[in-house]
PDB file of N, CA and C in Angstrom:
ATOM      1  N   MET A   1      87.095  42.228 102.078  1.00  0.00           N
ATOM      2  CA  MET A   1      88.259  43.035 101.733  1.00  0.00           C
ATOM      3  C   MET A   1      89.329  42.798 102.790  1.00  0.00           C
ATOM      4  N   SER A   2      90.525  42.830 102.327  1.00  0.00           N
ATOM      5  CA  SER A   2      91.626  42.584 103.257  1.00  0.00           C
ATOM      6  C   SER A   2      91.988  43.851 104.005  1.00  0.00           C
ATOM      7  N   GLN A   3      92.733  43.630 105.045  1.00  0.00           N
ATOM      8  CA  GLN A   3      93.154  44.775 105.865  1.00  0.00           C
ATOM      9  C   GLN A   3      94.024  45.724 105.055  1.00  0.00           C
ATOM     10  N   ALA A   4      94.812  45.208 104.173  1.00  0.00           N
ATOM     11  CA  ALA A   4      95.678  46.047 103.335  1.00  0.00           C
ATOM     12  C   ALA A   4      94.827  46.948 102.426  1.00  0.00           C
ATOM     13  N   THR A   5      93.729  46.408 101.919  1.00  0.00           N
ATOM     14  CA  THR A   5      92.848  47.192 101.059  1.00  0.00           C
ATOM     15  C   THR A   5      92.197  48.315 101.863  1.00  0.00           C
ATOM     16  N   TRP A   6      91.709  47.966 103.065  1.00  0.00           N
ATOM     17  CA  TRP A   6      91.103  48.970 103.923  1.00  0.00           C
ATOM     18  C   TRP A   6      92.110  50.062 104.298  1.00  0.00           C
ATOM     19  N   THR A   7      93.315  49.636 104.592  1.00  0.00           N
ATOM     20  CA  THR A   7      94.359  50.591 104.949  1.00  0.00           C
ATOM     21  C   THR A   7      94.655  51.515 103.777  1.00  0.00           C
ATOM     22  N   ALA A   8      94.710  50.941 102.573  1.00  0.00           N
ATOM     23  CA  ALA A   8      94.966  51.744 101.380  1.00  0.00           C
ATOM     24  C   ALA A   8      93.809  52.715 101.138  1.00  0.00           C
ATOM     25  N   LEU A   9      92.576  52.223 101.290  1.00  0.00           N
ATOM     26  CA  LEU A   9      91.413  53.100 101.097  1.00  0.00           C
ATOM     27  C   LEU A   9      91.396  54.221 102.125  1.00  0.00           C
ATOM     28  N   LEU A  10      91.658  53.889 103.390  1.00  0.00           N
ATOM     29  CA  LEU A  10      91.691  54.926 104.432  1.00  0.00           C
ATOM     30  C   LEU A  10      92.825  55.920 104.186  1.00  0.00           C
ATOM     31  N   GLY A  11      93.966  55.423 103.725  1.00  0.00           N
ATOM     32  CA  GLY A  11      95.076  56.314 103.401  1.00  0.00           C
ATOM     33  C   GLY A  11      94.713  57.261 102.271  1.00  0.00           C
ATOM     34  N   PHE A  12      94.073  56.705 101.234  1.00  0.00           N
ATOM     35  CA  PHE A  12      93.634  57.523 100.105  1.00  0.00           C
ATOM     36  C   PHE A  12      92.594  58.540 100.549  1.00  0.00           C
ATOM     37  N   LEU A  13      91.629  58.080 101.360  1.00  0.00           N
ATOM     38  CA  LEU A  13      90.591  58.971 101.863  1.00  0.00           C
ATOM     39  C   LEU A  13      91.194  60.073 102.727  1.00  0.00           C
ATOM     40  N   SER A  14      92.145  59.727 103.575  1.00  0.00           N
ATOM     41  CA  SER A  14      92.801  60.728 104.429  1.00  0.00           C
ATOM     42  C   SER A  14      93.546  61.753 103.582  1.00  0.00           C
ATOM     43  N   ALA A  15      94.243  61.259 102.560  1.00  0.00           N
ATOM     44  CA  ALA A  15      94.980  62.169 101.678  1.00  0.00           C
ATOM     45  C   ALA A  15      94.010  63.077 100.935  1.00  0.00           C
ATOM     46  N   SER A  16      92.880  62.531 100.496  1.00  0.00           N
ATOM     47  CA  SER A  16      91.874  63.334  99.781  1.00  0.00           C
ATOM     48  C   SER A  16      91.301  64.412 100.690  1.00  0.00           C
ATOM     49  N   VAL A  17      90.951  64.020 101.919  1.00  0.00           N
ATOM     50  CA  VAL A  17      90.413  64.995 102.869  1.00  0.00           C
ATOM     51  C   VAL A  17      91.450  66.060 103.172  1.00  0.00           C
ATOM     52  N   ALA A  18      92.699  65.650 103.367  1.00  0.00           N
ATOM     53  CA  ALA A  18      93.770  66.624 103.631  1.00  0.00           C
ATOM     54  C   ALA A  18      93.927  67.577 102.452  1.00  0.00           C
ATOM     55  N   GLY A  19      93.827  67.065 101.236  1.00  0.00           N
ATOM     56  CA  GLY A  19      93.930  67.909 100.048  1.00  0.00           C
ATOM     57  C   GLY A  19      92.786  68.894  99.960  1.00  0.00           C
ATOM     58  N   VAL A  20      91.567  68.405 100.222  1.00  0.00           N
ATOM     59  CA  VAL A  20      90.403  69.292 100.199  1.00  0.00           C
ATOM     60  C   VAL A  20      90.531  70.371 101.267  1.00  0.00           C
ATOM     61  N   LEU A  21      90.965  69.976 102.457  1.00  0.00           N
ATOM     62  CA  LEU A  21      91.149  70.957 103.539  1.00  0.00           C
ATOM     63  C   LEU A  21      92.235  71.969 103.187  1.00  0.00           C
ATOM     64  N   ALA A  22      93.302  71.516 102.539  1.00  0.00           N
ATOM     65  CA  ALA A  22      94.379  72.435 102.153  1.00  0.00           C
ATOM     66  C   ALA A  22      93.862  73.445 101.121  1.00  0.00           C
ATOM     67  N   ILE A  23      93.092  72.958 100.155  1.00  0.00           N
ATOM     68  CA  ILE A  23      92.515  73.868  99.144  1.00  0.00           C
ATOM     69  C   ILE A  23      91.553  74.846  99.813  1.00  0.00           C
ATOM     70  N   TRP A  24      90.716  74.352 100.707  1.00  0.00           N
ATOM     71  CA  TRP A  24      89.768  75.215 101.423  1.00  0.00           C
ATOM     72  C   TRP A  24      90.518  76.270 102.230  1.00  0.00           C
ATOM     73  N   LYS A  25      91.608  75.839 102.899  1.00  0.00           N
ATOM     74  CA  LYS A  25      92.403  76.781 103.704  1.00  0.00           C
ATOM     75  C   LYS A  25      93.005  77.871 102.808  1.00  0.00           C
ATOM     76  N   MET A  26      93.490  77.486 101.626  1.00  0.00           N
ATOM     77  CA  MET A  26      94.047  78.484 100.704  1.00  0.00           C
ATOM     78  C   MET A  26      92.970  79.457 100.256  1.00  0.00           C
ATOM     79  N   ASN A  27      91.788  78.929  99.954  1.00  0.00           N
ATOM     80  CA  ASN A  27      90.688  79.802  99.518  1.00  0.00           C
ATOM     81  C   ASN A  27      90.261  80.751 100.628  1.00  0.00           C
ATOM     82  N   VAL A  28      90.212  80.242 101.860  1.00  0.00           N
ATOM     83  CA  VAL A  28      89.863  81.097 102.994  1.00  0.00           C
ATOM     84  C   VAL A  28      90.917  82.181 103.167  1.00  0.00           C
ATOM     85  N   ALA A  29      92.196  81.796 103.066  1.00  0.00           N
ATOM     86  CA  ALA A  29      93.282  82.775 103.209  1.00  0.00           C
ATOM     87  C   ALA A  29      93.176  83.849 102.124  1.00  0.00           C
ATOM     88  N   LYS A  30      92.862  83.444 100.889  1.00  0.00           N
ATOM     89  CA  LYS A  30      92.705  84.409  99.802  1.00  0.00           C
ATOM     90  C   LYS A  30      91.516  85.330 100.077  1.00  0.00           C
ATOM     91  N   THR A  31      90.424  84.746 100.575  1.00  0.00           N
ATOM     92  CA  THR A  31      89.236  85.541 100.872  1.00  0.00           C
ATOM     93  C   THR A  31      89.520  86.541 101.981  1.00  0.00           C
ATOM     94  N   VAL A  32      90.194  86.095 103.033  1.00  0.00           N
ATOM     95  CA  VAL A  32      90.532  86.985 104.148  1.00  0.00           C
ATOM     96  C   VAL A  32      91.442  88.105 103.655  1.00  0.00           C
ATOM     97  N   SER A  33      92.426  87.757 102.818  1.00  0.00           N
ATOM     98  CA  SER A  33      93.333  88.761 102.266  1.00  0.00           C
ATOM     99  C   SER A  33      92.565  89.757 101.404  1.00  0.00           C
ATOM    100  N   ALA A  34      91.655  89.233 100.584  1.00  0.00           N
ATOM    101  CA  ALA A  34      90.856  90.125  99.734  1.00  0.00           C
ATOM    102  C   ALA A  34      89.968  91.019 100.594  1.00  0.00           C
ATOM    103  N   ASP A  35      89.405  90.461 101.664  1.00  0.00           N
ATOM    104  CA  ASP A  35      88.573  91.259 102.564  1.00  0.00           C
ATOM    105  C   ASP A  35      89.396  92.358 103.222  1.00  0.00           C
ATOM    106  N   LYS A  36      90.613  92.020 103.640  1.00  0.00           N
ATOM    107  CA  LYS A  36      91.483  93.035 104.258  1.00  0.00           C
ATOM    108  C   LYS A  36      91.810  94.132 103.244  1.00  0.00           C
ATOM    109  N   ASP A  37      92.115  93.721 102.007  1.00  0.00           N
ATOM    110  CA  ASP A  37      92.407  94.703 100.959  1.00  0.00           C
ATOM    111  C   ASP A  37      91.201  95.592 100.709  1.00  0.00           C
ATOM    112  N   PHE A  38      90.009  94.991 100.670  1.00  0.00           N
ATOM    113  CA  PHE A  38      88.791  95.761 100.448  1.00  0.00           C
ATOM    114  C   PHE A  38      88.564  96.747 101.587  1.00  0.00           C
ATOM    115  N   ILE A  39      88.744  96.287 102.817  1.00  0.00           N
ATOM    116  CA  ILE A  39      88.544  97.161 103.979  1.00  0.00           C
ATOM    117  C   ILE A  39      89.544  98.305 103.955  1.00  0.00           C
ATOM    118  N   THR A  40      90.792  98.005 103.617  1.00  0.00           N
ATOM    119  CA  THR A  40      91.817  99.051 103.531  1.00  0.00           C
ATOM    120  C   THR A  40      91.442 100.069 102.458  1.00  0.00           C
ATOM    121  N   MET A  41      91.036  99.575 101.295  1.00  0.00           N
ATOM    122  CA  MET A  41      90.654 100.470 100.206  1.00  0.00           C
ATOM    123  C   MET A  41      89.425 101.291 100.603  1.00  0.00           C
ATOM    124  N   TYR A  42      88.456 100.654 101.248  1.00  0.00           N
ATOM    125  CA  TYR A  42      87.254 101.356 101.691  1.00  0.00           C
ATOM    126  C   TYR A  42      87.615 102.464 102.677  1.00  0.00           C
ATOM    127  N   ASN A  43      88.487 102.165 103.632  1.00  0.00           N
ATOM    128  CA  ASN A  43      88.890 103.172 104.614  1.00  0.00           C
ATOM    129  C   ASN A  43      89.610 104.342 103.949  1.00  0.00           C
ATOM    130  N   GLU A  44      90.454 104.042 102.973  1.00  0.00           N
ATOM    131  CA  GLU A  44      91.146 105.111 102.248  1.00  0.00           C
ATOM    132  C   GLU A  44      90.150 105.970 101.465  1.00  0.00           C
ATOM    133  N   LEU A  45      89.164 105.323 100.849  1.00  0.00           N
ATOM    134  CA  LEU A  45      88.146 106.081 100.124  1.00  0.00           C
ATOM    135  C   LEU A  45      87.319 106.946 101.064  1.00  0.00           C
ATOM    136  N   MET A  46      87.026 106.432 102.249  1.00  0.00           N
ATOM    137  CA  MET A  46      86.261 107.218 103.218  1.00  0.00           C
ATOM    138  C   MET A  46      87.075 108.431 103.686  1.00  0.00           C
ATOM    139  N   LYS A  47      88.378 108.243 103.914  1.00  0.00           N
ATOM    140  CA  LYS A  47      89.224 109.377 104.296  1.00  0.00           C
ATOM    141  C   LYS A  47      89.238 110.424 103.189  1.00  0.00           C
ATOM    142  N   SER A  48      89.384 109.949 101.958  1.00  0.00           N
ATOM    143  CA  SER A  48      89.393 110.859 100.813  1.00  0.00           C
ATOM    144  C   SER A  48      88.049 111.570 100.689  1.00  0.00           C
ATOM    145  N   ASN A  49      86.968 110.834 100.889  1.00  0.00           N
ATOM    146  CA  ASN A  49      85.632 111.418 100.828  1.00  0.00           C
ATOM    147  C   ASN A  49      85.461 112.483 101.908  1.00  0.00           C
ATOM    148  N   ASN A  50      85.919 112.199 103.114  1.00  0.00           N
ATOM    149  CA  ASN A  50      85.812 113.182 104.205  1.00  0.00           C
ATOM    150  C   ASN A  50      86.614 114.442 103.884  1.00  0.00           C
ATOM    151  N   LYS A  51      87.790 114.252 103.281  1.00  0.00           N
ATOM    152  CA  LYS A  51      88.606 115.405 102.898  1.00  0.00           C
ATOM    153  C   LYS A  51      87.882 116.240 101.841  1.00  0.00           C
ATOM    154  N   LEU A  52      87.246 115.561 100.890  1.00  0.00           N
ATOM    155  CA  LEU A  52      86.489 116.281  99.861  1.00  0.00           C
ATOM    156  C   LEU A  52      85.298 117.015 100.461  1.00  0.00           C
ATOM    157  N   ILE A  53      84.651 116.413 101.439  1.00  0.00           N
ATOM    158  CA  ILE A  53      83.523 117.077 102.105  1.00  0.00           C
ATOM    159  C   ILE A  53      84.004 118.338 102.811  1.00  0.00           C
ATOM    160  N   GLU A  54      85.159 118.249 103.492  1.00  0.00           N
ATOM    161  CA  GLU A  54      85.722 119.432 104.169  1.00  0.00           C
ATOM    162  C   GLU A  54      86.058 120.525 103.151  1.00  0.00           C
ATOM    163  N   GLN A  55      86.699 120.119 102.043  1.00  0.00           N
ATOM    164  CA  GLN A  55      87.053 121.093 101.013  1.00  0.00           C
ATOM    165  C   GLN A  55      85.801 121.726 100.406  1.00  0.00           C
ATOM    166  N   ASN A  56      84.769 120.914 100.221  1.00  0.00           N
ATOM    167  CA  ASN A  56      83.516 121.438  99.679  1.00  0.00           C
ATOM    168  C   ASN A  56      82.919 122.466 100.632  1.00  0.00           C
ATOM    169  N   ALA A  57      82.965 122.183 101.923  1.00  0.00           N
ATOM    170  CA  ALA A  57      82.433 123.134 102.908  1.00  0.00           C
ATOM    171  C   ALA A  57      83.227 124.438 102.879  1.00  0.00           C
ATOM    172  N   GLU A  58      84.554 124.328 102.777  1.00  0.00           N
ATOM    173  CA  GLU A  58      85.395 125.526 102.716  1.00  0.00           C
ATOM    174  C   GLU A  58      85.086 126.336 101.452  1.00  0.00           C
ATOM    175  N   LEU A  59      84.973 125.654 100.324  1.00  0.00           N
ATOM    176  CA  LEU A  59      84.683 126.356  99.072  1.00  0.00           C
ATOM    177  C   LEU A  59      83.289 126.977  99.096  1.00  0.00           C
ATOM    178  N   THR A  60      82.349 126.297  99.711  1.00  0.00           N
ATOM    179  CA  THR A  60      80.993 126.848  99.825  1.00  0.00           C
ATOM    180  C   THR A  60      81.011 128.116 100.662  1.00  0.00           C
ATOM    181  N   ALA A  61      81.771 128.104 101.751  1.00  0.00           N
ATOM    182  CA  ALA A  61      81.878 129.302 102.593  1.00  0.00           C
ATOM    183  C   ALA A  61      82.512 130.449 101.808  1.00  0.00           C
ATOM    184  N   GLU A  62      83.559 130.162 101.057  1.00  0.00           N
ATOM    185  CA  GLU A  62      84.203 131.196 100.243  1.00  0.00           C
ATOM    186  C   GLU A  62      83.240 131.729  99.178  1.00  0.00           C
ATOM    187  N   LEU A  63      82.490 130.817  98.576  1.00  0.00           N
ATOM    188  CA  LEU A  63      81.519 131.221  97.562  1.00  0.00           C
ATOM    189  C   LEU A  63      80.446 132.113  98.170  1.00  0.00           C
ATOM    190  N   GLN A  64      79.985 131.795  99.363  1.00  0.00           N
ATOM    191  CA  GLN A  64      78.987 132.627 100.035  1.00  0.00           C
ATOM    192  C   GLN A  64      79.540 134.005 100.344  1.00  0.00           C
ATOM    193  N   LYS A  65      80.808 134.061 100.763  1.00  0.00           N
ATOM    194  CA  LYS A  65      81.436 135.366 101.011  1.00  0.00           C
ATOM    195  C   LYS A  65      81.521 136.172  99.722  1.00  0.00           C
ATOM    196  N   ALA A  66      81.922 135.521  98.641  1.00  0.00           N
ATOM    197  CA  ALA A  66      82.033 136.213  97.356  1.00  0.00           C
ATOM    198  C   ALA A  66      80.661 136.691  96.897  1.00  0.00           C
ATOM    199  N   HIS A  67      79.656 135.868  97.073  1.00  0.00           N
ATOM    200  CA  HIS A  67      78.300 136.250  96.678  1.00  0.00           C
ATOM    201  C   HIS A  67      77.830 137.465  97.485  1.00  0.00           C
ATOM    202  N   ALA A  68      78.099 137.450  98.778  1.00  0.00           N
ATOM    203  CA  ALA A  68      77.714 138.594  99.620  1.00  0.00           C
ATOM    204  C   ALA A  68      78.448 139.854  99.169  1.00  0.00           C
ATOM    205  N   SER A  69      79.723 139.706  98.844  1.00  0.00           N
ATOM    206  CA  SER A  69      80.505 140.851  98.378  1.00  0.00           C
ATOM    207  C   SER A  69      79.951 141.385  97.065  1.00  0.00           C
ATOM    208  N   ILE A  70      79.586 140.494  96.161  1.00  0.00           N
ATOM    209  CA  ILE A  70      79.012 140.916  94.884  1.00  0.00           C
ATOM    210  C   ILE A  70      77.692 141.645  95.111  1.00  0.00           C
ATOM    211  N   GLU A  71      76.885 141.132  96.032  1.00  0.00           N
ATOM    212  CA  GLU A  71      75.610 141.803  96.342  1.00  0.00           C
ATOM    213  C   GLU A  71      75.851 143.212  96.881  1.00  0.00           C
ATOM    214  N   LYS A  72      76.854 143.377  97.733  1.00  0.00           N
ATOM    215  CA  LYS A  72      77.173 144.697  98.273  1.00  0.00           C
ATOM    216  C   LYS A  72      77.634 145.631  97.167  1.00  0.00           C
ATOM    217  N   LEU A  73      78.509 145.108  96.292  1.00  0.00           N
ATOM    218  CA  LEU A  73      78.990 145.934  95.184  1.00  0.00           C
ATOM    219  C   LEU A  73      77.850 146.318  94.245  1.00  0.00           C
ATOM    220  N   THR A  74      76.968 145.379  93.974  1.00  0.00           N
ATOM    221  CA  THR A  74      75.820 145.668  93.106  1.00  0.00           C
ATOM    222  C   THR A  74      74.940 146.740  93.731  1.00  0.00           C
ATOM    223  N   GLN A  75      74.705 146.628  95.008  1.00  0.00           N
ATOM    224  CA  GLN A  75      73.903 147.634  95.715  1.00  0.00           C
ATOM    225  C   GLN A  75      74.581 149.001  95.667  1.00  0.00           C
ATOM    226  N   ARG A  76      75.891 149.003  95.867  1.00  0.00           N
ATOM    227  CA  ARG A  76      76.637 150.276  95.841  1.00  0.00           C
ATOM    228  C   ARG A  76      76.575 150.910  94.451  1.00  0.00           C
ATOM    229  N   ILE A  77      76.689 150.077  93.396  1.00  0.00           N
ATOM    230  CA  ILE A  77      76.602 150.588  92.024  1.00  0.00           C
ATOM    231  C   ILE A  77      75.231 151.203  91.780  1.00  0.00           C
ATOM    232  N   LYS A  78      74.188 150.518  92.252  1.00  0.00           N
ATOM    233  CA  LYS A  78      72.829 151.065  92.091  1.00  0.00           C
ATOM    234  C   LYS A  78      72.680 152.389  92.822  1.00  0.00           C
ATOM    235  N   GLU A  79      73.247 152.475  94.015  1.00  0.00           N
ATOM    236  CA  GLU A  79      73.182 153.725  94.776  1.00  0.00           C
ATOM    237  C   GLU A  79      73.884 154.852  94.031  1.00  0.00           C
ATOM    238  N   LEU A  80      75.066 154.562  93.480  1.00  0.00           N
ATOM    239  CA  LEU A  80      75.809 155.583  92.729  1.00  0.00           C
ATOM    240  C   LEU A  80      75.071 155.988  91.462  1.00  0.00           C
ATOM    241  N   GLU A  81      74.467 155.004  90.774  1.00  0.00           N
ATOM    242  CA  GLU A  81      73.691 155.333  89.570  1.00  0.00           C
ATOM    243  C   GLU A  81      72.509 156.231  89.926  1.00  0.00           C
ATOM    244  N   ASN A  82      71.826 155.899  91.000  1.00  0.00           N
ATOM    245  CA  ASN A  82      70.695 156.728  91.441  1.00  0.00           C
ATOM    246  C   ASN A  82      71.156 158.128  91.810  1.00  0.00           C
ATOM    247  N   LYS A  83      72.305 158.198  92.456  1.00  0.00           N
ATOM    248  CA  LYS A  83      72.835 159.507  92.844  1.00  0.00           C
ATOM    249  C   LYS A  83      73.157 160.346  91.600  1.00  0.00           C
ATOM    250  N   LEU A  84      73.752 159.691  90.589  1.00  0.00           N
ATOM    251  CA  LEU A  84      74.071 160.399  89.352  1.00  0.00           C
ATOM    252  C   LEU A  84      72.802 160.874  88.654  1.00  0.00           C
ATOM    253  N   GLU A  85      71.784 160.011  88.616  1.00  0.00           N
ATOM    254  CA  GLU A  85      70.526 160.382  87.966  1.00  0.00           C
ATOM    255  C   GLU A  85      69.863 161.551  88.698  1.00  0.00           C
ATOM    256  N   ASN A  86      69.954 161.585  90.001  1.00  0.00           N
ATOM    257  CA  ASN A  86      69.332 162.659  90.777  1.00  0.00           C
ATOM    258  C   ASN A  86      70.094 163.980  90.622  1.00  0.00           C
ATOM    259  N   GLU A  87      71.369 163.915  90.350  1.00  0.00           N
ATOM    260  CA  GLU A  87      72.160 165.139  90.169  1.00  0.00           C
ATOM    261  C   GLU A  87      71.910 165.743  88.793  1.00  0.00           C
ATOM    262  N   HIS A  88      71.510 164.961  87.827  1.00  0.00           N
ATOM    263  CA  HIS A  88      71.314 165.479  86.469  1.00  0.00           C
ATOM    264  C   HIS A  88      69.896 165.771  86.240  1.00  0.00           C
TER     265      HIS A  88
END
């Protein structure tokens, strides 16, 4: 093979490798971007989840207070009913 043929083959091979590397670089950039987007979305979901956990704890505390209040009222009603029955 002549030197011109070798030069042409090496030029073609270099261009092919450069093209493959460029495509690989684009794919890596897309993957990194997608990973960043995923991490951002994950962090936002975790913040939202933590906020929901806090709200759930607050609502649970309120529910426990309401339940205790209902128990007190129920006890008071029973006491009044017993008092009425004892008076009659």
